[in-house]
């Protein structure tokens, strides 16, 4: 019996690779919201807010929206590499 490893979308891995989450023709976002930053980095919500409060992660406020520049997340990761 052959088992097929399935991805989150339920498609076989080979088929899922044909459907990337972000199409190649779309530009990378300049900013992301808090939930997306948590998913991108794997940092917990409380820790992310601590890093914002300490100034380790920049934010951009537009109205009531809190946005995090993707570059700020990259810089945080690069500063903490070992």
Protein backbone atom coordinates (compact mmCIF):
# COMPACT_ATOMS: atom_id res chain seq x y z
CA UNK A 1 0.00 0.00 0.00
CA UNK A 2 1.39 3.42 -0.96
CA UNK A 3 0.92 6.32 1.43
CA UNK A 4 0.88 9.85 0.08
CA UNK A 5 2.06 12.61 2.37
CA UNK A 6 -0.51 15.37 2.27
CA UNK A 7 0.01 19.05 2.88
CA UNK A 8 -2.22 21.45 4.79
CA UNK A 9 -4.36 21.91 1.69
CA UNK A 10 -4.89 18.17 1.50
CA UNK A 11 -3.08 17.84 -1.82
CA UNK A 12 -0.19 15.48 -2.37
CA UNK A 13 3.14 17.25 -1.78
CA UNK A 14 3.99 17.23 -5.49
CA UNK A 15 0.68 18.87 -6.44
CA UNK A 16 0.85 21.39 -3.59
CA UNK A 17 4.20 22.67 -4.85
CA UNK A 18 2.43 23.78 -8.01
CA UNK A 19 0.20 26.07 -5.92
CA UNK A 20 2.48 28.32 -3.85
CA UNK A 21 0.91 30.27 -0.98
CA UNK A 22 2.04 33.58 -2.52
CA UNK A 23 2.10 33.65 -6.30
CA UNK A 24 5.52 34.43 -7.74
CA UNK A 25 4.19 37.42 -9.64
CA UNK A 26 3.01 39.19 -6.47
CA UNK A 27 5.42 41.50 -4.65
CA UNK A 28 6.36 40.73 -1.07
CA UNK A 29 4.39 42.89 1.38
CA UNK A 30 6.22 45.84 2.94
CA UNK A 31 4.35 45.39 6.22
CA UNK A 32 2.35 42.70 7.99
CA UNK A 33 -0.16 42.73 10.83
CA UNK A 34 0.60 41.24 14.25
CA UNK A 35 -0.89 37.75 13.58
CA UNK A 36 1.11 37.41 10.35
CA UNK A 37 4.32 38.51 12.12
CA UNK A 38 3.72 35.83 14.76
CA UNK A 39 3.33 33.17 12.06
CA UNK A 40 6.32 34.40 10.07
CA UNK A 41 8.73 34.42 13.00
CA UNK A 42 7.38 31.77 15.33
CA UNK A 43 7.60 34.29 18.18
CA UNK A 44 4.74 34.23 20.68
CA UNK A 45 2.28 37.10 20.89
CA UNK A 46 3.47 38.34 24.30
CA UNK A 47 7.13 38.21 23.28
CA UNK A 48 6.36 40.08 20.06
CA UNK A 49 4.69 42.86 22.05
CA UNK A 50 7.71 42.95 24.42
CA UNK A 51 10.04 43.36 21.43
CA UNK A 52 7.83 46.17 20.09
CA UNK A 53 7.80 47.89 23.51
CA UNK A 54 11.59 47.66 23.82
CA UNK A 55 12.09 49.05 20.30
CA UNK A 56 13.64 45.85 18.92
CA UNK A 57 10.81 45.66 16.37
CA UNK A 58 9.50 48.77 14.62
CA UNK A 59 5.81 49.38 14.08
CA UNK A 60 3.84 51.65 11.79
CA UNK A 61 0.49 52.96 13.03
CA UNK A 62 -2.07 53.87 10.39
CA UNK A 63 -5.33 54.74 12.06
CA UNK A 64 -6.04 51.91 14.47
CA UNK A 65 -3.98 49.40 12.46
CA UNK A 66 -0.61 48.29 13.78
CA UNK A 67 1.71 47.20 10.99
CA UNK A 68 5.19 45.73 11.27
CA UNK A 69 7.70 46.32 8.48
CA UNK A 70 8.92 42.96 7.16
CA UNK A 71 12.44 44.42 7.08
CA UNK A 72 12.24 45.02 10.85
CA UNK A 73 11.46 41.32 11.36
CA UNK A 74 14.40 40.33 9.13
CA UNK A 75 16.74 42.62 11.07
CA UNK A 76 15.59 41.10 14.38
CA UNK A 77 16.29 37.58 13.11
CA UNK A 78 19.70 38.58 11.69
CA UNK A 79 20.74 40.32 14.94
CA UNK A 80 19.93 37.20 16.95
CA UNK A 81 21.58 34.57 14.77
CA UNK A 82 24.11 32.36 16.51
